[in-house]
Amino acid sequence: MALVIVNWLHSPCPLLLSDDSQSSAGALDSISLCSPGSSVMLRPTVLGLLLACAVSLSSSAVILENGAPILWAQTAAQVTDLPIQNGILTPNPWHFLHRMSLYRLMITATDPFMGSMGTNATDSPMWGMPLQLGWMLTSGRLADPTGATVCGLQTGDPTCISTQSWWACENYFVSVLPFLSAAQQGFMGADVQVQMQVPEGVADYCTTYADCAASYPEAMSKWDAFFQGLKSAVESPLPENEKKDALLGLYWGAQMASTYASAACNSRQSHYSSKEVSFANSWLNSAEYVSAAHFHSNMDKSAMFMTPLPGRILQEDDTAPYIADMSQEENHTLSIFSWMTNINTLLSGTLVRLWRQAMCSVATREKGREMLEQLLLNPSFATNTFMSIVTGMTTSC
């Protein structure tokens, strides 16, 4: 399936985020395309129309526009573009542009420490996160699954992120938590304090570094270790390939700690069909493999793996690989995800355990990344071949 690229908006100017909006969904009242005094304003409803138009061009999820994550040009280019109240940075992670801005700011702040990842501007492993968030948005997974509000719907505010969405909740742990850690470690500037906005009546999300560290100490300590490791890597005498592998290990250690912490979101899965829940759990399970292999989730690699993900929420009558309105690639991805989860369950966790055991060195992790690419993207790569290679690789450790 060809990568979907959509021109969302040809704007020569960065986004200037207003801090005077306090709606229940936290949506911005207005977005200036040029300067604070500009009379040209793009309102959230206009963004919604652009989003609806772009999504309608394809049955697949949109993940890129002009070689960047969707709506990237409308996100905050610097920390001071986000709302500030009483000297405290107050992003609203329940508005898509704000949550995507967290990623943009983290990538910008950490790029000077990512030299071992490569020479391209999109070689940071953190690029996988904004692409993932974009896929969740355009596939409808950030919208309110209960139907009680129009949050995230084309008929309401499509840039609204629902607090009831399981996908949005899971993503909170890999967007807000790392951002709070990055700020704590000084990547957002000296002594920057952050307090996340939260809709009225919602109480089960941590909003500050101290709050999240108390509620999810393992996840926050892993993100701290990653950001500290970036600084240490600058002076590290290790060869670049080993330095890269070590940093990817810290990165995926933090990602998995956030994934495990996101079990706090599980009650929200009741809002979805059993097929969507099965896919969601398989999607989580796939992280075990990419993390153990220290997957280099740069822009190109992440786009390759996310393009075949299902472009809509699954319904009860969806049975891969026979979903008529999905592409062969989407059907194949769903089938492989299901197979990996089912085999691991039948073997009482043995497949994941064998895989982790096999990913014991820089060389085997490189081989593992190649195998995952073949398994997920090459329909002719037999699953029994995957099993036999994994079993064989464990003997070399």
Protein backbone atom coordinates (compact mmCIF):
# COMPACT_ATOMS: atom_id res chain seq x y z
CA MET A 1 0.00 0.00 0.00
CA ALA A 2 1.43 3.35 -0.97
CA LEU A 3 2.22 5.79 1.80
CA VAL A 4 -0.53 8.36 2.13
CA ILE A 5 0.73 11.94 1.92
CA VAL A 6 -1.69 14.84 2.16
CA ASN A 7 -1.07 18.56 1.90
CA TRP A 8 -3.00 19.83 4.89
CA LEU A 9 -2.21 23.49 4.75
CA HIS A 10 0.36 25.55 2.87
CA SER A 11 1.30 27.96 5.63
CA PRO A 12 4.60 29.85 5.72
CA CYS A 13 4.20 30.71 9.38
CA PRO A 14 4.54 28.70 12.62
CA LEU A 15 1.64 28.12 14.97
CA LEU A 16 1.10 30.56 17.79
CA LEU A 17 -0.96 28.87 20.48
CA SER A 18 -3.28 31.04 22.53
CA ASP A 19 -3.52 30.46 26.28
CA ASP A 20 -6.95 31.97 26.75
CA SER A 21 -9.05 28.97 25.84
CA GLN A 22 -10.50 26.93 28.67
CA SER A 23 -13.30 24.96 27.00
CA SER A 24 -14.23 21.55 28.36
CA ALA A 25 -12.22 19.85 25.64
CA GLY A 26 -9.44 22.41 25.98
CA ALA A 27 -9.71 23.39 22.33
CA LEU A 28 -7.93 26.54 21.27
CA ASP A 29 -10.17 29.51 20.57
CA SER A 30 -8.07 30.48 17.59
CA ILE A 31 -4.81 29.77 15.84
CA SER A 32 -2.80 32.53 14.24
CA LEU A 33 -1.09 31.58 11.02
CA CYS A 34 1.38 34.45 10.93
CA SER A 35 1.77 36.78 13.88
CA PRO A 36 0.02 37.79 17.10
CA GLY A 37 -1.43 40.81 15.30
CA SER A 38 -2.53 38.93 12.21
CA SER A 39 -6.14 39.17 11.13
CA VAL A 40 -5.85 35.80 9.41
CA MET A 41 -7.10 33.25 11.90
CA LEU A 42 -7.65 29.54 11.47
CA ARG A 43 -10.32 28.31 13.84
CA PRO A 44 -10.58 24.70 15.09
CA THR A 45 -13.62 24.15 12.87
CA VAL A 46 -11.50 24.98 9.82
CA LEU A 47 -8.86 22.52 10.97
CA GLY A 48 -11.66 19.99 11.27
CA LEU A 49 -12.75 20.57 7.70
CA LEU A 50 -9.19 20.13 6.47
CA LEU A 51 -8.92 16.93 8.49
CA ALA A 52 -12.19 15.55 7.18
CA CYS A 53 -11.24 16.36 3.59
CA ALA A 54 -7.84 14.73 3.88
CA VAL A 55 -9.14 11.57 5.52
CA SER A 56 -11.84 11.20 2.87
CA LEU A 57 -9.14 10.91 0.20
CA SER A 58 -8.23 7.45 1.39
CA SER A 59 -9.68 4.50 3.28
CA SER A 60 -6.31 4.12 4.99
CA ALA A 61 -5.10 6.10 7.98
CA VAL A 62 -3.23 9.28 7.13
CA ILE A 63 0.13 9.52 8.91
CA LEU A 64 2.21 12.00 6.91
CA GLU A 65 1.83 15.31 5.11
CA ASN A 66 4.70 16.91 3.23
CA GLY A 67 7.10 14.42 4.78
CA ALA A 68 6.13 15.27 8.38
CA PRO A 69 3.52 14.04 10.88
CA ILE A 70 0.06 15.38 10.13
CA LEU A 71 -0.62 18.98 11.18
CA TRP A 72 3.04 19.26 12.24
CA ALA A 73 3.31 22.78 10.82
CA GLN A 74 0.48 23.89 13.14
CA THR A 75 2.19 22.67 16.34
CA ALA A 76 4.32 24.64 18.78
CA ALA A 77 7.83 25.33 17.52
CA GLN A 78 9.07 26.51 20.91
CA VAL A 79 8.05 26.05 24.52
CA THR A 80 6.75 29.60 24.86
CA ASP A 81 4.17 28.90 22.12
CA LEU A 82 2.29 26.75 24.65
CA PRO A 83 -0.02 28.27 27.30
CA ILE A 84 1.69 29.68 30.39
CA GLN A 85 -0.21 30.58 33.56
CA ASN A 86 1.46 32.11 36.61
CA GLY A 87 4.85 31.15 35.24
CA ILE A 88 3.86 27.49 34.79
CA LEU A 89 3.66 25.79 31.40
CA THR A 90 0.11 24.44 30.99
CA PRO A 91 -0.27 22.35 27.81
CA ASN A 92 -3.64 20.76 27.12
CA PRO A 93 -2.99 17.11 26.15
CA TRP A 94 -6.68 16.72 25.26
CA HIS A 95 -6.25 18.88 22.18
CA PHE A 96 -4.47 17.16 19.30
CA LEU A 97 -2.22 20.11 18.43
CA HIS A 98 -1.06 20.43 22.01
CA ARG A 99 -0.30 16.74 22.41
CA MET A 100 1.51 16.68 19.06
CA SER A 101 3.40 19.78 20.19
CA LEU A 102 4.81 17.82 23.13
CA TYR A 103 6.45 15.47 20.63
CA ARG A 104 7.78 18.29 18.45
CA LEU A 105 9.34 20.03 21.43
CA MET A 106 10.92 16.81 22.73
CA ILE A 107 12.37 15.94 19.32
CA THR A 108 13.78 19.44 18.88
CA ALA A 109 15.30 19.48 22.37
CA THR A 110 16.91 16.04 22.10
CA ASP A 111 18.17 16.20 18.51
CA PRO A 112 21.58 17.64 19.52
CA PHE A 113 22.16 14.47 21.56
CA MET A 114 21.08 12.02 18.83
CA GLY A 115 24.24 12.02 16.69
CA SER A 116 24.69 8.27 16.97
CA MET A 117 21.30 7.71 15.33
CA GLY A 118 22.40 9.08 11.95
CA THR A 119 22.90 12.25 9.99
CA ASN A 120 19.32 12.83 8.81
CA ALA A 121 17.00 15.23 10.61
CA THR A 122 14.44 12.44 10.96
CA ASP A 123 16.74 9.77 12.45
CA SER A 124 15.68 10.24 16.08
CA PRO A 125 13.77 7.21 17.41
CA MET A 126 11.25 9.63 18.89
CA TRP A 127 9.71 10.25 15.44
CA GLY A 128 7.69 7.06 15.81
CA MET A 129 5.57 8.65 18.55
CA PRO A 130 4.04 11.56 16.59
CA LEU A 131 3.38 9.26 13.62
CA GLN A 132 1.57 6.90 15.97
CA LEU A 133 -0.54 9.74 17.38
CA GLY A 134 -1.43 10.86 13.86
CA TRP A 135 -2.57 7.35 12.96
CA MET A 136 -4.76 7.24 16.06
CA LEU A 137 -6.36 10.55 15.10
CA THR A 138 -7.14 9.83 11.48
CA SER A 139 -8.32 6.27 12.17
CA GLY A 140 -10.88 7.61 14.67
CA ARG A 141 -9.22 6.11 17.72
CA LEU A 142 -8.90 9.35 19.68
CA ALA A 143 -12.64 10.10 19.48
CA ASP A 144 -15.16 9.47 22.25
CA PRO A 145 -16.06 5.76 21.92
CA THR A 146 -19.08 6.09 24.23
CA GLY A 147 -21.04 8.34 21.87
CA ALA A 148 -21.84 10.63 24.80
CA THR A 149 -20.00 13.57 23.22
CA VAL A 150 -18.82 14.64 19.75
CA CYS A 151 -15.22 14.93 20.94
CA GLY A 152 -12.96 13.76 18.12
CA LEU A 153 -15.79 13.33 15.62
CA GLN A 154 -16.04 15.08 12.26
CA THR A 155 -19.44 16.36 13.36
CA GLY A 156 -17.89 17.96 16.44
CA ASP A 157 -14.29 18.95 17.08
CA PRO A 158 -11.99 16.42 15.36
CA THR A 159 -8.95 17.88 17.13
CA CYS A 160 -10.46 17.05 20.52
CA ILE A 161 -8.96 13.99 22.24
CA SER A 162 -11.42 12.06 24.38
CA THR A 163 -10.55 11.14 27.96
CA GLN A 164 -12.75 8.05 27.44
CA SER A 165 -10.72 6.71 24.51
CA TRP A 166 -8.56 3.73 25.45
CA TRP A 167 -6.14 4.63 22.68
CA ALA A 168 -5.86 8.23 23.90
CA CYS A 169 -5.36 7.02 27.45
CA GLU A 170 -2.61 4.58 26.43
CA ASN A 171 -0.94 7.31 24.39
CA TYR A 172 -1.03 9.66 27.39
CA PHE A 173 1.62 7.46 28.99
CA VAL A 174 3.97 7.83 26.01
CA SER A 175 3.41 11.56 25.46
CA VAL A 176 2.71 13.34 28.73
CA LEU A 177 4.98 11.20 30.94
CA PRO A 178 8.09 11.55 28.75
CA PHE A 179 7.45 15.29 28.30
CA LEU A 180 7.22 15.81 32.06
CA SER A 181 10.44 13.83 32.47
CA ALA A 182 12.19 15.81 29.70
CA ALA A 183 11.19 19.06 31.41
CA GLN A 184 12.38 17.74 34.78
CA GLN A 185 15.74 16.85 33.23
CA GLY A 186 16.14 20.38 31.85
CA PHE A 187 15.43 19.74 28.17
CA MET A 188 12.69 22.39 28.06
CA GLY A 189 14.82 25.05 29.70
CA ALA A 190 16.09 25.84 33.17
CA ASP A 191 13.58 25.35 35.99
CA VAL A 192 10.57 25.00 33.67
CA GLN A 193 7.52 23.85 35.62
CA VAL A 194 4.73 21.97 33.84
CA GLN A 195 1.12 21.36 34.84
CA MET A 196 -1.03 19.53 32.30
CA GLN A 197 -4.58 20.74 31.80
CA VAL A 198 -7.36 18.26 32.49
CA PRO A 199 -11.08 18.53 31.66
CA GLU A 200 -13.39 19.24 34.56
CA GLY A 201 -14.57 16.11 36.35
CA VAL A 202 -11.68 13.93 35.12
CA ALA A 203 -9.45 12.79 37.97
CA ASP A 204 -7.61 9.64 36.88
CA TYR A 205 -4.71 11.22 34.95
CA CYS A 206 -1.52 12.50 36.56
CA THR A 207 -0.68 16.06 35.52
CA THR A 208 2.72 16.98 37.02
CA TYR A 209 6.12 15.31 37.28
CA ALA A 210 5.68 14.74 41.03
CA ASP A 211 2.17 13.38 40.54
CA CYS A 212 3.22 10.98 37.77
CA ALA A 213 6.37 9.91 39.61
CA ALA A 214 4.27 9.02 42.64
CA SER A 215 1.64 7.16 40.61
CA TYR A 216 3.94 5.49 38.07
CA PRO A 217 7.46 5.46 39.56
CA GLU A 218 8.86 2.79 37.25
CA ALA A 219 7.79 4.59 34.07
CA MET A 220 9.04 7.98 35.20
CA SER A 221 12.38 6.60 36.40
CA LYS A 222 12.89 4.89 33.02
CA TRP A 223 12.17 8.11 31.12
CA ASP A 224 14.54 9.96 33.45
CA ALA A 225 17.19 7.34 32.69
CA PHE A 226 16.69 7.79 28.95
CA PHE A 227 17.00 11.58 29.02
CA GLN A 228 19.99 11.39 31.37
CA GLY A 229 21.52 8.77 29.08
CA LEU A 230 21.25 11.16 26.13
CA LYS A 231 23.41 13.68 27.96
CA SER A 232 25.92 11.04 29.04
CA ALA A 233 26.19 9.63 25.52
CA VAL A 234 27.78 12.84 24.26
CA GLU A 235 30.95 12.05 26.24
CA SER A 236 30.72 8.27 25.92
CA PRO A 237 33.83 6.52 24.47
CA LEU A 238 31.71 3.70 23.02
CA PRO A 239 31.72 3.13 19.24
CA GLU A 240 28.77 4.84 17.57
CA ASN A 241 26.91 1.59 16.82
CA GLU A 242 27.15 0.48 20.46
CA LYS A 243 26.19 3.94 21.69
CA LYS A 244 23.16 3.88 19.40
CA ASP A 245 22.15 0.42 20.62
CA ALA A 246 22.51 1.48 24.25
CA LEU A 247 20.38 4.59 23.77
CA LEU A 248 17.72 2.60 21.92
CA GLY A 249 17.75 0.18 24.85
CA LEU A 250 17.06 3.02 27.27
CA TYR A 251 14.40 4.45 24.98
CA TRP A 252 12.51 1.19 24.62
CA GLY A 253 12.90 0.45 28.31
CA ALA A 254 11.03 3.68 28.98
CA GLN A 255 8.46 2.96 26.28
CA MET A 256 7.69 -0.46 27.74
CA ALA A 257 7.49 0.89 31.28
CA SER A 258 4.91 3.40 30.05
CA THR A 259 3.07 0.62 28.21
CA TYR A 260 2.87 -1.49 31.37
CA ALA A 261 1.72 1.55 33.37
CA SER A 262 -1.05 2.13 30.83
CA ALA A 263 -2.83 -0.90 32.27
CA ALA A 264 -4.58 1.86 34.22
CA CYS A 265 -6.54 2.46 31.00
CA ASN A 266 -7.94 -1.07 30.71
CA SER A 267 -11.47 -0.24 31.88
CA ARG A 268 -11.85 1.96 28.80
CA GLN A 269 -11.61 -1.07 26.53
CA SER A 270 -15.23 -1.89 27.42
CA HIS A 271 -16.29 0.84 24.98
CA TYR A 272 -15.05 -1.13 21.94
CA SER A 273 -15.94 -4.27 20.00
CA SER A 274 -14.20 -7.50 20.92
CA LYS A 275 -12.33 -7.34 17.60
CA GLU A 276 -10.95 -3.88 18.38
CA VAL A 277 -9.98 -4.99 21.88
CA SER A 278 -8.22 -8.03 20.47
CA PHE A 279 -6.34 -5.84 18.01
CA ALA A 280 -5.45 -3.34 20.76
CA ASN A 281 -4.01 -6.11 22.92
CA SER A 282 -2.12 -7.58 19.97
CA TRP A 283 -0.79 -4.12 19.18
CA LEU A 284 0.49 -3.84 22.75
CA ASN A 285 1.98 -7.32 22.50
CA SER A 286 3.88 -6.37 19.34
CA ALA A 287 5.79 -3.79 21.39
CA GLU A 288 7.49 -6.66 23.22
CA TYR A 289 9.20 -7.65 19.98
CA VAL A 290 10.21 -4.23 18.67
CA SER A 291 11.48 -3.15 22.08
CA ALA A 292 13.62 -6.25 22.61
CA ALA A 293 15.11 -5.78 19.14
CA HIS A 294 15.86 -2.10 19.90
CA PHE A 295 13.90 -1.04 16.85
CA HIS A 296 15.23 2.22 15.40
CA SER A 297 11.89 4.01 15.14
CA ASN A 298 13.03 6.89 12.94
CA MET A 299 10.65 8.57 10.49
CA ASP A 300 11.20 6.20 7.56
CA LYS A 301 11.08 2.93 9.54
CA SER A 302 8.09 4.02 11.62
CA ALA A 303 6.12 5.08 8.55
CA MET A 304 6.88 1.71 6.95
CA PHE A 305 5.42 -0.18 9.91
CA MET A 306 2.45 2.14 10.53
CA THR A 307 1.17 2.53 6.99
CA PRO A 308 -0.44 -0.97 6.99
CA LEU A 309 -2.21 -0.46 10.33
CA PRO A 310 -6.03 -0.50 10.12
CA GLY A 311 -7.41 2.85 9.03
CA ARG A 312 -10.57 2.57 11.13
CA ILE A 313 -11.85 1.06 14.38
CA LEU A 314 -12.68 -2.63 14.04
CA GLN A 315 -16.26 -3.88 14.35
CA GLU A 316 -17.59 -7.24 15.53
CA ASP A 317 -17.99 -8.63 12.01
CA ASP A 318 -14.42 -7.80 10.95
CA THR A 319 -12.40 -10.97 10.41
CA ALA A 320 -8.91 -10.60 8.96
CA PRO A 321 -7.72 -11.40 6.34
CA TYR A 322 -11.24 -11.08 4.89
CA ILE A 323 -12.14 -7.45 5.71
CA ALA A 324 -13.53 -6.16 2.41
CA ASP A 325 -12.98 -2.44 2.91
CA MET A 326 -9.39 -2.85 4.06
CA SER A 327 -6.34 -3.33 1.88
CA GLN A 328 -4.39 -6.56 1.55
CA GLU A 329 -1.63 -4.98 3.64
CA GLU A 330 -4.01 -4.00 6.44
CA ASN A 331 -5.53 -7.48 6.46
CA HIS A 332 -2.07 -9.05 6.54
CA THR A 333 -0.94 -6.88 9.46
CA LEU A 334 -4.05 -7.74 11.47
CA SER A 335 -3.52 -11.45 10.75
CA ILE A 336 0.13 -11.37 11.81
CA PHE A 337 -0.62 -9.43 14.99
CA SER A 338 -3.30 -11.96 15.87
CA TRP A 339 -1.02 -14.90 15.07
CA MET A 340 1.81 -13.60 17.26
CA THR A 341 -0.52 -13.03 20.20
CA ASN A 342 -2.30 -16.38 19.82
CA ILE A 343 0.92 -18.36 19.53
CA ASN A 344 2.41 -16.64 22.54
CA THR A 345 -0.77 -17.32 24.53
CA LEU A 346 -0.86 -20.99 23.49
CA LEU A 347 2.79 -21.34 24.47
CA SER A 348 2.17 -19.62 27.81
CA GLY A 349 4.39 -16.69 26.93
CA THR A 350 7.18 -18.77 25.42
CA LEU A 351 7.36 -16.88 22.11
CA VAL A 352 8.01 -13.54 23.80
CA ARG A 353 10.42 -15.21 26.21
CA LEU A 354 12.36 -16.87 23.38
CA TRP A 355 12.45 -13.62 21.44
CA ARG A 356 13.84 -11.68 24.39
CA GLN A 357 16.42 -14.39 24.94
CA ALA A 358 17.45 -14.27 21.29
CA MET A 359 17.89 -10.48 21.35
CA CYS A 360 21.04 -10.79 23.44
CA SER A 361 23.59 -8.81 21.43
CA VAL A 362 23.94 -5.92 19.00
CA ALA A 363 24.27 -8.44 16.14
CA THR A 364 21.21 -10.54 17.02
CA ARG A 365 19.10 -7.44 17.60
CA GLU A 366 20.01 -6.25 14.11
CA LYS A 367 18.95 -9.63 12.75
CA GLY A 368 15.77 -9.43 14.79
CA ARG A 369 14.82 -6.09 13.30
CA GLU A 370 15.24 -7.54 9.80
CA MET A 371 13.04 -10.50 10.71
CA LEU A 372 10.26 -8.30 12.07
CA GLU A 373 10.30 -6.30 8.88
CA GLN A 374 9.93 -9.47 6.83
CA LEU A 375 7.20 -10.89 9.05
CA LEU A 376 5.04 -7.77 9.05
CA LEU A 377 5.65 -6.46 5.54
CA ASN A 378 6.33 -9.54 3.41
CA PRO A 379 3.24 -11.77 3.06
CA SER A 380 5.38 -14.58 1.61
CA PHE A 381 7.51 -14.81 4.76
CA ALA A 382 6.16 -17.90 6.47
CA THR A 383 5.36 -17.78 10.17
CA ASN A 384 6.97 -21.19 10.71
CA THR A 385 10.20 -19.73 9.29
CA PHE A 386 10.01 -17.02 11.92
CA MET A 387 9.60 -19.60 14.68
CA SER A 388 12.50 -21.77 13.52
CA ILE A 389 14.87 -18.80 13.17
CA VAL A 390 13.98 -17.47 16.64
CA THR A 391 14.53 -20.88 18.18
CA GLY A 392 17.89 -21.18 16.44
CA MET A 393 19.01 -17.69 17.47
CA THR A 394 18.56 -18.44 21.16
CA THR A 395 21.35 -21.04 20.98
CA SER A 396 23.88 -18.38 19.99
CA CYS A 397 23.34 -16.38 23.19
